[in-house]
């Protein structure tokens, strides 16, 4: 996964200690606006503990109270489009 930004933006990768989910979180600050961008890939038929782990990460990061959250996910959930 790749999130590309202009070098002049104040941005940092949000490090998490969760290794069973392929995800990337980046926080961008621009003046008084904070944006959290989240990318996640879950393989088809991922076990419930993996999904719960991912949702727990999102809950934890929303405590940061960003002004905007952008979710770019591929959950591979059957029969959902």
N, C-alpha and C. Protein backbone atom coordinates (compact mmCIF):
# COMPACT_ATOMS: atom_id res chain seq x y z
N UNK A 1 0.84 -1.16 0.00
CA UNK A 1 0.00 0.00 0.00
C UNK A 1 0.89 1.24 0.00
N UNK A 2 0.39 2.27 -0.62
CA UNK A 2 1.15 3.51 -0.72
C UNK A 2 0.19 4.68 -0.56
N UNK A 3 0.58 5.62 0.27
CA UNK A 3 -0.10 6.91 0.36
C UNK A 3 0.95 7.95 0.02
N UNK A 4 0.77 8.67 -1.06
CA UNK A 4 1.72 9.68 -1.49
C UNK A 4 1.18 11.07 -1.16
N UNK A 5 2.04 11.91 -0.60
CA UNK A 5 1.64 13.29 -0.27
C UNK A 5 2.75 14.22 -0.72
N UNK A 6 2.42 15.49 -0.79
CA UNK A 6 3.43 16.49 -1.10
C UNK A 6 4.34 16.65 0.12
N UNK A 7 5.63 16.85 -0.12
CA UNK A 7 6.57 16.97 1.00
C UNK A 7 6.26 18.12 1.96
N UNK A 8 5.60 19.17 1.47
CA UNK A 8 5.36 20.31 2.35
C UNK A 8 4.24 20.07 3.36
N UNK A 9 3.47 18.99 3.20
CA UNK A 9 2.41 18.70 4.15
C UNK A 9 2.99 18.11 5.43
N UNK A 10 2.40 18.48 6.55
CA UNK A 10 2.79 17.92 7.83
C UNK A 10 2.06 16.58 7.98
N UNK A 11 2.79 15.48 7.76
CA UNK A 11 2.13 14.18 7.79
C UNK A 11 3.03 13.17 8.49
N UNK A 12 2.39 12.13 9.03
CA UNK A 12 3.15 11.05 9.64
C UNK A 12 2.34 9.77 9.58
N UNK A 13 3.08 8.67 9.50
CA UNK A 13 2.43 7.36 9.52
C UNK A 13 2.06 7.04 10.96
N UNK A 14 0.85 6.57 11.15
CA UNK A 14 0.39 6.20 12.48
C UNK A 14 0.79 4.74 12.70
N UNK A 15 1.70 4.54 13.65
CA UNK A 15 2.19 3.20 13.93
C UNK A 15 1.24 2.48 14.89
N UNK A 16 0.94 1.24 14.54
CA UNK A 16 0.09 0.41 15.38
C UNK A 16 0.78 -0.92 15.61
N UNK A 17 0.51 -1.53 16.74
CA UNK A 17 1.11 -2.83 17.05
C UNK A 17 0.17 -3.97 16.71
N UNK A 18 -0.46 -3.89 15.57
CA UNK A 18 -1.36 -4.93 15.09
C UNK A 18 -0.76 -5.47 13.80
N UNK A 19 -0.46 -6.75 13.79
CA UNK A 19 0.26 -7.31 12.65
C UNK A 19 -0.55 -8.35 11.87
N UNK A 20 -1.77 -8.64 12.31
CA UNK A 20 -2.59 -9.63 11.59
C UNK A 20 -3.52 -8.99 10.57
N UNK A 21 -3.39 -7.67 10.37
CA UNK A 21 -4.22 -6.94 9.41
C UNK A 21 -3.29 -6.13 8.51
N UNK A 22 -3.56 -6.17 7.22
CA UNK A 22 -2.78 -5.35 6.29
C UNK A 22 -3.47 -3.99 6.17
N UNK A 23 -2.95 -3.01 6.90
CA UNK A 23 -3.55 -1.68 6.88
C UNK A 23 -2.46 -0.61 7.03
N UNK A 24 -2.84 0.59 6.63
CA UNK A 24 -1.93 1.72 6.69
C UNK A 24 -2.75 2.94 7.09
N UNK A 25 -2.28 3.65 8.10
CA UNK A 25 -2.94 4.87 8.58
C UNK A 25 -1.95 6.02 8.48
N UNK A 26 -2.41 7.13 7.91
CA UNK A 26 -1.58 8.33 7.81
C UNK A 26 -2.39 9.52 8.31
N UNK A 27 -1.75 10.33 9.13
CA UNK A 27 -2.38 11.55 9.63
C UNK A 27 -1.73 12.74 8.93
N UNK A 28 -2.57 13.63 8.42
CA UNK A 28 -2.10 14.84 7.74
C UNK A 28 -2.69 16.05 8.46
N UNK A 29 -1.84 17.02 8.76
CA UNK A 29 -2.29 18.25 9.39
C UNK A 29 -2.04 19.40 8.44
N UNK A 30 -3.05 20.22 8.26
CA UNK A 30 -2.95 21.39 7.40
C UNK A 30 -3.63 22.54 8.12
N UNK A 31 -2.81 23.46 8.62
CA UNK A 31 -3.30 24.55 9.47
C UNK A 31 -4.02 23.95 10.66
N UNK A 32 -5.31 24.17 10.83
CA UNK A 32 -6.03 23.62 11.98
C UNK A 32 -6.85 22.38 11.63
N UNK A 33 -6.63 21.84 10.44
CA UNK A 33 -7.40 20.68 9.98
C UNK A 33 -6.54 19.43 10.11
N UNK A 34 -7.13 18.38 10.67
CA UNK A 34 -6.43 17.09 10.73
C UNK A 34 -7.23 16.06 9.94
N UNK A 35 -6.52 15.30 9.12
CA UNK A 35 -7.14 14.30 8.26
C UNK A 35 -6.48 12.96 8.55
N UNK A 36 -7.30 11.96 8.75
CA UNK A 36 -6.80 10.60 8.93
C UNK A 36 -7.20 9.80 7.70
N UNK A 37 -6.21 9.24 7.02
CA UNK A 37 -6.46 8.42 5.84
C UNK A 37 -6.14 6.98 6.22
N UNK A 38 -7.06 6.08 5.88
CA UNK A 38 -6.92 4.69 6.28
C UNK A 38 -7.12 3.78 5.08
N UNK A 39 -6.17 2.89 4.85
CA UNK A 39 -6.27 1.87 3.81
C UNK A 39 -6.21 0.50 4.47
N UNK A 40 -7.10 -0.38 4.09
CA UNK A 40 -7.11 -1.74 4.65
C UNK A 40 -7.42 -2.75 3.57
N UNK A 41 -6.72 -3.86 3.63
CA UNK A 41 -7.04 -5.00 2.78
C UNK A 41 -7.24 -6.21 3.68
N UNK A 42 -8.41 -6.82 3.59
CA UNK A 42 -8.68 -8.08 4.28
C UNK A 42 -8.90 -9.15 3.23
N UNK A 43 -8.19 -10.25 3.32
CA UNK A 43 -8.39 -11.33 2.35
C UNK A 43 -9.81 -11.88 2.44
N UNK A 44 -10.28 -12.51 1.38
CA UNK A 44 -11.61 -13.13 1.43
C UNK A 44 -11.71 -14.11 2.60
N UNK A 45 -12.87 -14.10 3.23
CA UNK A 45 -13.18 -15.01 4.35
C UNK A 45 -12.19 -14.86 5.51
N UNK A 46 -11.83 -13.64 5.80
CA UNK A 46 -10.95 -13.40 6.96
C UNK A 46 -11.66 -13.83 8.23
N UNK A 47 -10.91 -14.43 9.17
CA UNK A 47 -11.54 -14.85 10.42
C UNK A 47 -11.99 -13.66 11.26
N UNK A 48 -12.97 -13.88 12.06
CA UNK A 48 -13.55 -12.83 12.90
C UNK A 48 -12.51 -12.11 13.77
N UNK A 49 -11.54 -12.80 14.38
CA UNK A 49 -10.54 -12.07 15.18
C UNK A 49 -9.76 -11.02 14.38
N UNK A 50 -9.52 -11.28 13.11
CA UNK A 50 -8.81 -10.31 12.27
C UNK A 50 -9.69 -9.07 12.06
N UNK A 51 -10.95 -9.29 11.78
CA UNK A 51 -11.89 -8.17 11.58
C UNK A 51 -12.03 -7.37 12.87
N UNK A 52 -12.16 -8.05 13.99
CA UNK A 52 -12.27 -7.35 15.28
C UNK A 52 -11.01 -6.55 15.58
N UNK A 53 -9.86 -7.10 15.25
CA UNK A 53 -8.61 -6.39 15.46
C UNK A 53 -8.57 -5.10 14.65
N UNK A 54 -9.00 -5.18 13.41
CA UNK A 54 -9.04 -3.99 12.55
C UNK A 54 -10.01 -2.94 13.11
N UNK A 55 -11.19 -3.36 13.50
CA UNK A 55 -12.17 -2.41 14.06
C UNK A 55 -11.67 -1.78 15.35
N UNK A 56 -10.95 -2.54 16.13
CA UNK A 56 -10.37 -2.00 17.36
C UNK A 56 -9.36 -0.90 17.04
N UNK A 57 -8.58 -1.09 15.99
CA UNK A 57 -7.62 -0.05 15.57
C UNK A 57 -8.35 1.24 15.19
N UNK A 58 -9.42 1.09 14.44
CA UNK A 58 -10.19 2.28 14.04
C UNK A 58 -10.74 2.99 15.27
N UNK A 59 -11.30 2.24 16.22
CA UNK A 59 -11.80 2.86 17.45
C UNK A 59 -10.70 3.62 18.16
N UNK A 60 -9.53 3.01 18.25
CA UNK A 60 -8.40 3.64 18.93
C UNK A 60 -7.99 4.94 18.24
N UNK A 61 -7.96 4.93 16.91
CA UNK A 61 -7.51 6.11 16.17
C UNK A 61 -8.55 7.23 16.16
N UNK A 62 -9.81 6.90 16.28
CA UNK A 62 -10.83 7.95 16.32
C UNK A 62 -10.77 8.75 17.61
N UNK A 63 -10.07 8.24 18.61
CA UNK A 63 -9.85 9.00 19.84
C UNK A 63 -9.02 10.26 19.55
N UNK A 64 -8.21 10.21 18.48
CA UNK A 64 -7.42 11.37 18.08
C UNK A 64 -8.29 12.53 17.60
N UNK A 65 -9.56 12.25 17.34
CA UNK A 65 -10.55 13.24 16.90
C UNK A 65 -10.11 14.03 15.68
N UNK A 66 -9.81 13.33 14.59
CA UNK A 66 -9.49 14.06 13.36
C UNK A 66 -10.72 14.78 12.83
N UNK A 67 -10.50 15.89 12.10
CA UNK A 67 -11.62 16.61 11.49
C UNK A 67 -12.28 15.78 10.40
N UNK A 68 -11.45 15.03 9.68
CA UNK A 68 -11.93 14.24 8.54
C UNK A 68 -11.27 12.87 8.58
N UNK A 69 -12.05 11.84 8.26
CA UNK A 69 -11.51 10.49 8.14
C UNK A 69 -11.87 9.98 6.75
N UNK A 70 -10.87 9.45 6.06
CA UNK A 70 -11.08 8.89 4.73
C UNK A 70 -10.78 7.40 4.81
N UNK A 71 -11.79 6.58 4.55
CA UNK A 71 -11.63 5.13 4.57
C UNK A 71 -11.52 4.61 3.14
N UNK A 72 -10.47 3.87 2.87
CA UNK A 72 -10.26 3.24 1.56
C UNK A 72 -10.02 1.76 1.83
N UNK A 73 -11.08 0.98 1.86
CA UNK A 73 -10.98 -0.39 2.31
C UNK A 73 -11.37 -1.39 1.25
N UNK A 74 -10.76 -2.56 1.35
CA UNK A 74 -11.15 -3.71 0.56
C UNK A 74 -11.35 -4.85 1.53
N UNK A 75 -12.59 -5.04 1.97
CA UNK A 75 -12.90 -6.04 2.97
C UNK A 75 -13.18 -7.42 2.37
N UNK A 76 -13.41 -7.50 1.07
CA UNK A 76 -13.68 -8.78 0.43
C UNK A 76 -14.79 -9.57 1.13
N UNK A 77 -15.87 -8.90 1.44
CA UNK A 77 -17.00 -9.56 2.10
C UNK A 77 -17.92 -10.12 1.01
N UNK A 78 -18.14 -11.44 1.02
CA UNK A 78 -18.98 -12.03 -0.03
C UNK A 78 -20.40 -11.45 -0.05
N UNK A 79 -20.94 -11.28 -1.21
CA UNK A 79 -22.32 -10.84 -1.45
C UNK A 79 -22.57 -9.39 -1.00
N UNK A 80 -21.52 -8.61 -0.83
CA UNK A 80 -21.67 -7.19 -0.47
C UNK A 80 -20.92 -6.40 -1.52
N UNK A 81 -21.60 -5.41 -2.10
CA UNK A 81 -20.92 -4.58 -3.10
C UNK A 81 -21.14 -3.12 -2.82
